[in-house]
Amino acid sequence: MDQQTAIKAIEGLIEKLIEGDSDIFLVSLRIKPTNNFKVYLDADSGLSIEKCIKINRSLYKTIEEQGWYPEGDFSLEVSSPGVDEPLKMLRQYKKNVGRKLEVTFSDDTKLEGKLTSVDENSIHLEYTEGKNKKAVTHHREIAFSDIKQAVVLVSF
């Protein structure tokens, strides 16, 4: 099975598996030449390890039953994107409203700020310039077309 056919088939299986749970969505699917499938899922309310395991087992079983790889020469990983993975979908941005982001622009400049809202075409970031009494809070609308990548900053 060629990679494009495999991707379409796996995407179809995933859609069926998450059909009843509108909270879960597919972020990306990658296949390495060694038939290693990496499925990245996310959920509006967070994706548990238990859900990843359940989906992984169901996918694995279906792939074997369908006989796509009769020699068993494939592997499957189902997980949520790591905290260092850039946001890729509008739904991910919406899920992270209220959190701090680092946005890298097309010209490689960066801006850190709090994601205050998201619409179909842009995000709205609140950021502060200066320190203490000289600190000034700014609000900036950033078009998705100007964003090279955006990563959620985790604070401890």
C-alpha atoms as a PDB file:
ATOM      1  CA  MET A   1       0.000   0.000   0.000  1.00  0.00           C
ATOM      2  CA  ASP A   2       1.470   3.377  -0.984  1.00  0.00           C
ATOM      3  CA  GLN A   3       1.733   6.165   1.594  1.00  0.00           C
ATOM      4  CA  GLN A   4      -1.051   8.397   0.238  1.00  0.00           C
ATOM      5  CA  THR A   5      -3.519   5.484   0.154  1.00  0.00           C
ATOM      6  CA  ALA A   6      -2.439   4.460   3.661  1.00  0.00           C
ATOM      7  CA  ILE A   7      -2.906   8.015   4.982  1.00  0.00           C
ATOM      8  CA  LYS A   8      -6.418   8.274   3.519  1.00  0.00           C
ATOM      9  CA  ALA A   9      -7.347   4.836   4.864  1.00  0.00           C
ATOM     10  CA  ILE A  10      -6.010   5.573   8.369  1.00  0.00           C
ATOM     11  CA  GLU A  11      -7.727   8.985   8.411  1.00  0.00           C
ATOM     12  CA  GLY A  12     -11.007   7.255   7.533  1.00  0.00           C
ATOM     13  CA  LEU A  13     -10.544   4.722  10.339  1.00  0.00           C
ATOM     14  CA  ILE A  14      -9.730   7.466  12.838  1.00  0.00           C
ATOM     15  CA  GLU A  15     -12.811   9.470  11.841  1.00  0.00           C
ATOM     16  CA  LYS A  16     -14.976   6.386  12.476  1.00  0.00           C
ATOM     17  CA  LEU A  17     -13.294   5.731  15.842  1.00  0.00           C
ATOM     18  CA  ILE A  18     -13.730   9.286  17.139  1.00  0.00           C
ATOM     19  CA  GLU A  19     -17.146   9.806  15.542  1.00  0.00           C
ATOM     20  CA  GLY A  20     -19.061   9.410  18.794  1.00  0.00           C
ATOM     21  CA  ASP A  21     -16.707  11.703  20.706  1.00  0.00           C
ATOM     22  CA  SER A  22     -16.938  15.171  19.158  1.00  0.00           C
ATOM     23  CA  ASP A  23     -14.350  16.386  21.690  1.00  0.00           C
ATOM     24  CA  ILE A  24     -11.473  14.515  19.968  1.00  0.00           C
ATOM     25  CA  PHE A  25      -9.957  15.616  16.649  1.00  0.00           C
ATOM     26  CA  LEU A  26      -7.103  14.580  14.369  1.00  0.00           C
ATOM     27  CA  VAL A  27      -4.196  17.045  14.354  1.00  0.00           C
ATOM     28  CA  SER A  28      -1.802  15.217  12.032  1.00  0.00           C
ATOM     29  CA  LEU A  29      -0.809  11.843  10.675  1.00  0.00           C
ATOM     30  CA  ARG A  30       2.693  10.972   9.525  1.00  0.00           C
ATOM     31  CA  ILE A  31       4.044   7.805   7.995  1.00  0.00           C
ATOM     32  CA  LYS A  32       7.729   7.024   7.914  1.00  0.00           C
ATOM     33  CA  PRO A  33       9.117   4.840   5.090  1.00  0.00           C
ATOM     34  CA  THR A  34       9.320   1.950   7.566  1.00  0.00           C
ATOM     35  CA  ASN A  35       5.484   1.931   7.811  1.00  0.00           C
ATOM     36  CA  ASN A  36       5.653   3.655  11.170  1.00  0.00           C
ATOM     37  CA  PHE A  37       2.357   5.531  11.635  1.00  0.00           C
ATOM     38  CA  LYS A  38       2.390   8.509  13.999  1.00  0.00           C
ATOM     39  CA  VAL A  39      -1.106   9.727  14.792  1.00  0.00           C
ATOM     40  CA  TYR A  40      -1.504  12.972  16.718  1.00  0.00           C
ATOM     41  CA  LEU A  41      -4.918  13.577  18.263  1.00  0.00           C
ATOM     42  CA  ASP A  42      -6.131  16.327  20.531  1.00  0.00           C
ATOM     43  CA  ALA A  43      -9.324  17.085  22.415  1.00  0.00           C
ATOM     44  CA  ASP A  44     -11.019  20.299  23.413  1.00  0.00           C
ATOM     45  CA  SER A  45     -10.993  19.235  27.058  1.00  0.00           C
ATOM     46  CA  GLY A  46      -7.650  17.427  26.983  1.00  0.00           C
ATOM     47  CA  LEU A  47      -6.815  13.952  25.718  1.00  0.00           C
ATOM     48  CA  SER A  48      -6.231  11.223  28.275  1.00  0.00           C
ATOM     49  CA  ILE A  49      -3.717   8.420  27.897  1.00  0.00           C
ATOM     50  CA  GLU A  50      -6.594   5.966  28.243  1.00  0.00           C
ATOM     51  CA  LYS A  51      -8.317   7.389  25.149  1.00  0.00           C
ATOM     52  CA  CYS A  52      -5.045   7.242  23.190  1.00  0.00           C
ATOM     53  CA  ILE A  53      -4.554   3.601  24.189  1.00  0.00           C
ATOM     54  CA  LYS A  54      -8.130   2.692  23.250  1.00  0.00           C
ATOM     55  CA  ILE A  55      -7.843   4.339  19.824  1.00  0.00           C
ATOM     56  CA  ASN A  56      -4.391   2.810  19.256  1.00  0.00           C
ATOM     57  CA  ARG A  57      -5.656  -0.692  20.012  1.00  0.00           C
ATOM     58  CA  SER A  58      -8.740  -0.284  17.799  1.00  0.00           C
ATOM     59  CA  LEU A  59      -6.677   1.080  14.906  1.00  0.00           C
ATOM     60  CA  TYR A  60      -4.057  -1.635  15.233  1.00  0.00           C
ATOM     61  CA  LYS A  61      -6.695  -4.353  15.301  1.00  0.00           C
ATOM     62  CA  THR A  62      -8.494  -2.955  12.242  1.00  0.00           C
ATOM     63  CA  ILE A  63      -5.264  -2.619  10.233  1.00  0.00           C
ATOM     64  CA  GLU A  64      -4.415  -6.243  11.013  1.00  0.00           C
ATOM     65  CA  GLU A  65      -7.952  -7.467  10.214  1.00  0.00           C
ATOM     66  CA  GLN A  66      -7.950  -5.581   6.901  1.00  0.00           C
ATOM     67  CA  GLY A  67      -4.686  -7.299   5.979  1.00  0.00           C
ATOM     68  CA  TRP A  68      -3.012  -4.084   4.811  1.00  0.00           C
ATOM     69  CA  TYR A  69       0.373  -5.322   6.001  1.00  0.00           C
ATOM     70  CA  PRO A  70       0.194  -9.140   5.824  1.00  0.00           C
ATOM     71  CA  GLU A  71       3.758  -9.501   7.074  1.00  0.00           C
ATOM     72  CA  GLY A  72       2.926  -7.343  10.111  1.00  0.00           C
ATOM     73  CA  ASP A  73       5.619  -4.870   9.070  1.00  0.00           C
ATOM     74  CA  PHE A  74       4.071  -1.725  10.500  1.00  0.00           C
ATOM     75  CA  SER A  75       4.014   0.137  13.791  1.00  0.00           C
ATOM     76  CA  LEU A  76       1.516   2.560  15.211  1.00  0.00           C
ATOM     77  CA  GLU A  77       1.846   5.401  17.703  1.00  0.00           C
ATOM     78  CA  VAL A  78      -1.172   7.376  18.874  1.00  0.00           C
ATOM     79  CA  SER A  79      -0.585  10.378  21.114  1.00  0.00           C
ATOM     80  CA  SER A  80      -1.424  13.997  21.640  1.00  0.00           C
ATOM     81  CA  PRO A  81       1.042  16.573  20.335  1.00  0.00           C
ATOM     82  CA  GLY A  82       3.711  17.383  22.900  1.00  0.00           C
ATOM     83  CA  VAL A  83       3.785  20.754  24.630  1.00  0.00           C
ATOM     84  CA  ASP A  84       6.649  21.792  22.366  1.00  0.00           C
ATOM     85  CA  GLU A  85       4.684  21.039  19.184  1.00  0.00           C
ATOM     86  CA  PRO A  86       3.443  24.112  17.283  1.00  0.00           C
ATOM     87  CA  LEU A  87      -0.296  24.724  17.056  1.00  0.00           C
ATOM     88  CA  LYS A  88      -1.588  23.675  13.647  1.00  0.00           C
ATOM     89  CA  MET A  89      -5.352  24.025  13.676  1.00  0.00           C
ATOM     90  CA  LEU A  90      -7.872  26.721  14.506  1.00  0.00           C
ATOM     91  CA  ARG A  91      -9.422  24.343  17.029  1.00  0.00           C
ATOM     92  CA  GLN A  92      -6.093  24.096  18.894  1.00  0.00           C
ATOM     93  CA  TYR A  93      -5.833  27.881  19.104  1.00  0.00           C
ATOM     94  CA  LYS A  94      -9.383  28.090  20.483  1.00  0.00           C
ATOM     95  CA  LYS A  95      -8.577  25.432  23.058  1.00  0.00           C
ATOM     96  CA  ASN A  96      -5.614  27.490  24.290  1.00  0.00           C
ATOM     97  CA  VAL A  97      -7.307  30.870  24.762  1.00  0.00           C
ATOM     98  CA  GLY A  98      -6.048  32.338  28.034  1.00  0.00           C
ATOM     99  CA  ARG A  99      -2.630  30.681  27.798  1.00  0.00           C
ATOM    100  CA  LYS A 100       0.710  32.250  26.952  1.00  0.00           C
ATOM    101  CA  LEU A 101       2.042  31.739  23.411  1.00  0.00           C
ATOM    102  CA  GLU A 102       5.287  32.377  21.621  1.00  0.00           C
ATOM    103  CA  VAL A 103       4.442  33.424  18.079  1.00  0.00           C
ATOM    104  CA  THR A 104       7.120  33.296  15.391  1.00  0.00           C
ATOM    105  CA  PHE A 105       6.300  35.467  12.414  1.00  0.00           C
ATOM    106  CA  SER A 106       7.100  34.826   8.762  1.00  0.00           C
ATOM    107  CA  ASP A 107      10.170  37.096   9.085  1.00  0.00           C
ATOM    108  CA  ASP A 108      11.378  35.006  12.102  1.00  0.00           C
ATOM    109  CA  THR A 109      10.685  37.750  14.668  1.00  0.00           C
ATOM    110  CA  LYS A 110       8.966  36.540  17.835  1.00  0.00           C
ATOM    111  CA  LEU A 111       6.362  37.841  20.237  1.00  0.00           C
ATOM    112  CA  GLU A 112       5.217  36.352  23.533  1.00  0.00           C
ATOM    113  CA  GLY A 113       1.835  37.116  24.977  1.00  0.00           C
ATOM    114  CA  LYS A 114      -1.462  35.854  26.284  1.00  0.00           C
ATOM    115  CA  LEU A 115      -3.878  34.506  23.686  1.00  0.00           C
ATOM    116  CA  THR A 116      -7.085  36.433  24.386  1.00  0.00           C
ATOM    117  CA  SER A 117      -9.271  35.379  21.457  1.00  0.00           C
ATOM    118  CA  VAL A 118      -9.317  33.626  18.093  1.00  0.00           C
ATOM    119  CA  ASP A 119     -11.439  34.035  14.984  1.00  0.00           C
ATOM    120  CA  GLU A 120     -11.380  32.397  11.560  1.00  0.00           C
ATOM    121  CA  ASN A 121      -8.585  34.636  10.230  1.00  0.00           C
ATOM    122  CA  SER A 122      -6.505  35.762  13.197  1.00  0.00           C
ATOM    123  CA  ILE A 123      -5.519  35.532  16.823  1.00  0.00           C
ATOM    124  CA  HIS A 124      -5.518  38.305  19.414  1.00  0.00           C
ATOM    125  CA  LEU A 125      -2.512  38.566  21.705  1.00  0.00           C
ATOM    126  CA  GLU A 126      -2.054  40.645  24.828  1.00  0.00           C
ATOM    127  CA  TYR A 127       1.554  41.446  25.676  1.00  0.00           C
ATOM    128  CA  THR A 128       3.477  43.823  27.921  1.00  0.00           C
ATOM    129  CA  GLU A 129       6.433  46.024  27.048  1.00  0.00           C
ATOM    130  CA  GLY A 130       8.613  47.586  29.720  1.00  0.00           C
ATOM    131  CA  LYS A 131       8.970  46.782  33.414  1.00  0.00           C
ATOM    132  CA  ASN A 132       7.313  47.883  36.645  1.00  0.00           C
ATOM    133  CA  LYS A 133       5.847  51.418  36.418  1.00  0.00           C
ATOM    134  CA  LYS A 134       6.905  51.754  32.791  1.00  0.00           C
ATOM    135  CA  ALA A 135       5.080  48.563  31.766  1.00  0.00           C
ATOM    136  CA  VAL A 136       2.524  49.106  29.011  1.00  0.00           C
ATOM    137  CA  THR A 137       0.041  46.428  27.962  1.00  0.00           C
ATOM    138  CA  HIS A 138      -0.672  46.121  24.231  1.00  0.00           C
ATOM    139  CA  HIS A 139      -3.243  44.169  22.239  1.00  0.00           C
ATOM    140  CA  ARG A 140      -2.374  42.942  18.784  1.00  0.00           C
ATOM    141  CA  GLU A 141      -4.360  41.140  16.142  1.00  0.00           C
ATOM    142  CA  ILE A 142      -2.194  38.711  14.176  1.00  0.00           C
ATOM    143  CA  ALA A 143      -3.385  37.168  10.921  1.00  0.00           C
ATOM    144  CA  PHE A 144      -2.807  33.433  10.561  1.00  0.00           C
ATOM    145  CA  SER A 145      -1.046  34.190   7.258  1.00  0.00           C
ATOM    146  CA  ASP A 146       1.627  36.120   9.221  1.00  0.00           C
ATOM    147  CA  ILE A 147       2.303  33.264  11.652  1.00  0.00           C
ATOM    148  CA  LYS A 148       5.149  30.891  10.874  1.00  0.00           C
ATOM    149  CA  GLN A 149       4.530  28.953  14.092  1.00  0.00           C
ATOM    150  CA  ALA A 150       2.927  29.370  17.499  1.00  0.00           C
ATOM    151  CA  VAL A 151       3.834  27.338  20.567  1.00  0.00           C
ATOM    152  CA  VAL A 152       2.109  27.289  23.953  1.00  0.00           C
ATOM    153  CA  LEU A 153       4.512  28.321  26.701  1.00  0.00           C
ATOM    154  CA  VAL A 154       4.198  26.141  29.762  1.00  0.00           C
ATOM    155  CA  SER A 155       4.743  27.870  33.084  1.00  0.00           C
ATOM    156  CA  PHE A 156       5.440  26.059  36.327  1.00  0.00           C
END
